[in-house]
Protein backbone atom coordinates (compact mmCIF):
# COMPACT_ATOMS: atom_id res chain seq x y z
CA MET A 1 147.43 163.55 127.18
CA LEU A 2 149.85 161.04 125.89
CA LYS A 3 152.12 161.20 128.88
CA TYR A 4 149.24 159.89 130.99
CA LYS A 5 148.22 157.08 128.60
CA TYR A 6 149.58 154.46 130.92
CA VAL A 7 147.64 155.80 133.88
CA ILE A 8 144.46 156.04 131.76
CA ALA A 9 145.13 152.29 130.58
CA LEU A 10 145.71 151.00 134.06
CA ALA A 11 142.67 152.83 135.34
CA ILE A 12 140.54 151.43 132.59
CA PHE A 13 142.00 148.06 133.30
CA PHE A 14 141.28 148.12 137.00
CA VAL A 15 137.64 149.36 136.41
CA ALA A 16 137.11 146.65 133.93
CA ILE A 17 138.48 144.11 136.43
CA GLY A 18 136.22 145.44 139.09
CA LEU A 19 133.06 145.54 137.19
CA VAL A 20 133.21 142.59 134.71
CA GLY A 21 133.87 138.89 135.19
CA ASP A 22 133.33 136.32 137.71
CA HIS A 23 135.20 138.27 140.48
CA CYS A 24 133.81 141.58 140.14
CA TRP A 25 132.70 143.68 143.14
CA ILE A 26 129.02 143.52 142.49
CA LYS A 27 128.90 139.78 142.31
CA ARG A 28 130.92 139.60 145.53
CA ILE A 29 128.54 141.94 147.36
CA GLU A 30 125.66 139.60 146.15
CA GLN A 31 127.65 136.50 147.42
CA ARG A 32 128.06 137.89 150.73
CA LYS A 33 124.36 138.52 151.13
CA GLU A 34 123.68 135.19 150.06
CA ILE A 35 126.08 133.76 152.42
CA ALA A 36 124.49 135.76 155.35
CA GLN A 37 121.18 134.41 154.24
CA LEU A 38 122.32 130.90 154.10
CA LYS A 39 124.04 131.09 157.70
CA SER A 40 120.92 132.42 159.11
CA GLU A 41 119.00 129.37 157.48
CA ILE A 42 121.68 127.00 159.07
CA GLU A 43 121.25 128.49 162.40
CA LYS A 44 117.41 128.08 162.11
CA GLU A 45 117.76 124.40 161.04
CA ILE A 46 120.22 123.69 163.74
CA LYS A 47 117.79 125.08 166.49
CA THR A 48 115.06 123.05 164.81
CA PHE A 49 117.29 119.90 164.89
CA ASN A 50 118.18 120.56 168.53
CA ASP A 51 114.42 120.94 169.52
CA ASP A 52 113.66 117.72 167.63
CA LYS A 53 116.49 115.98 169.34
CA GLU A 54 115.18 116.98 172.77
CA GLN A 55 111.62 115.94 171.93
CA LEU A 56 112.90 112.46 170.88
CA GLU A 57 114.76 111.99 174.07
CA LYS A 58 111.75 112.80 175.90
CA LEU A 59 109.58 110.39 173.90
CA LYS A 60 112.10 107.68 174.68
CA THR A 61 112.23 108.23 178.22
CA ASN A 62 108.87 109.62 179.41
CA PRO A 63 105.47 107.72 178.44
CA GLU A 64 103.53 110.61 179.44
CA ALA A 65 105.24 112.53 176.69
CA VAL A 66 104.17 109.89 174.13
CA LYS A 67 100.66 110.02 175.27
CA ARG A 68 100.55 113.92 175.08
CA ILE A 69 101.98 113.79 171.52
CA ALA A 70 99.59 111.07 170.59
CA HIS A 71 96.51 113.42 171.68
CA GLU A 72 97.94 116.65 170.29
CA ARG A 73 99.16 115.49 166.79
CA TYR A 74 97.27 112.41 166.14
CA TYR A 75 93.97 113.06 167.94
CA MET A 76 94.26 109.58 169.61
CA LYS A 77 91.99 109.11 172.58
CA THR A 78 91.52 106.82 175.58
CA GLU A 79 88.27 104.70 176.08
CA ALA A 80 86.71 107.31 178.27
CA GLU A 81 87.23 110.51 176.38
CA ASP A 82 85.76 112.24 173.26
CA ILE A 83 88.00 114.55 171.17
CA PHE A 84 86.49 117.41 169.25
CA VAL A 85 88.73 118.98 166.66
CA ILE A 86 88.16 122.81 166.16
CA GLU A 87 90.07 124.55 163.36
CA ASP A 88 90.50 128.14 162.88
CA GLU A 89 90.41 129.62 159.35
């Protein structure tokens, strides 16, 4: 048993380093999952940004788009029309 004391000590050391502390394997796995989640959120936000940017360009160049947005989002109407708002619950 004494001739393997260095091997046992090194094994205990590597297990302790791998399971305890700021750089342990468990925390690294959790951090990788969090990174993957954050990357998916970034992709979603980039898509939303690009969609909003495209819609803004349409609003700057097309008066019909402004009219449509005013009708759909803000329930604005012209003189000759009535708007009925129906909400689904």
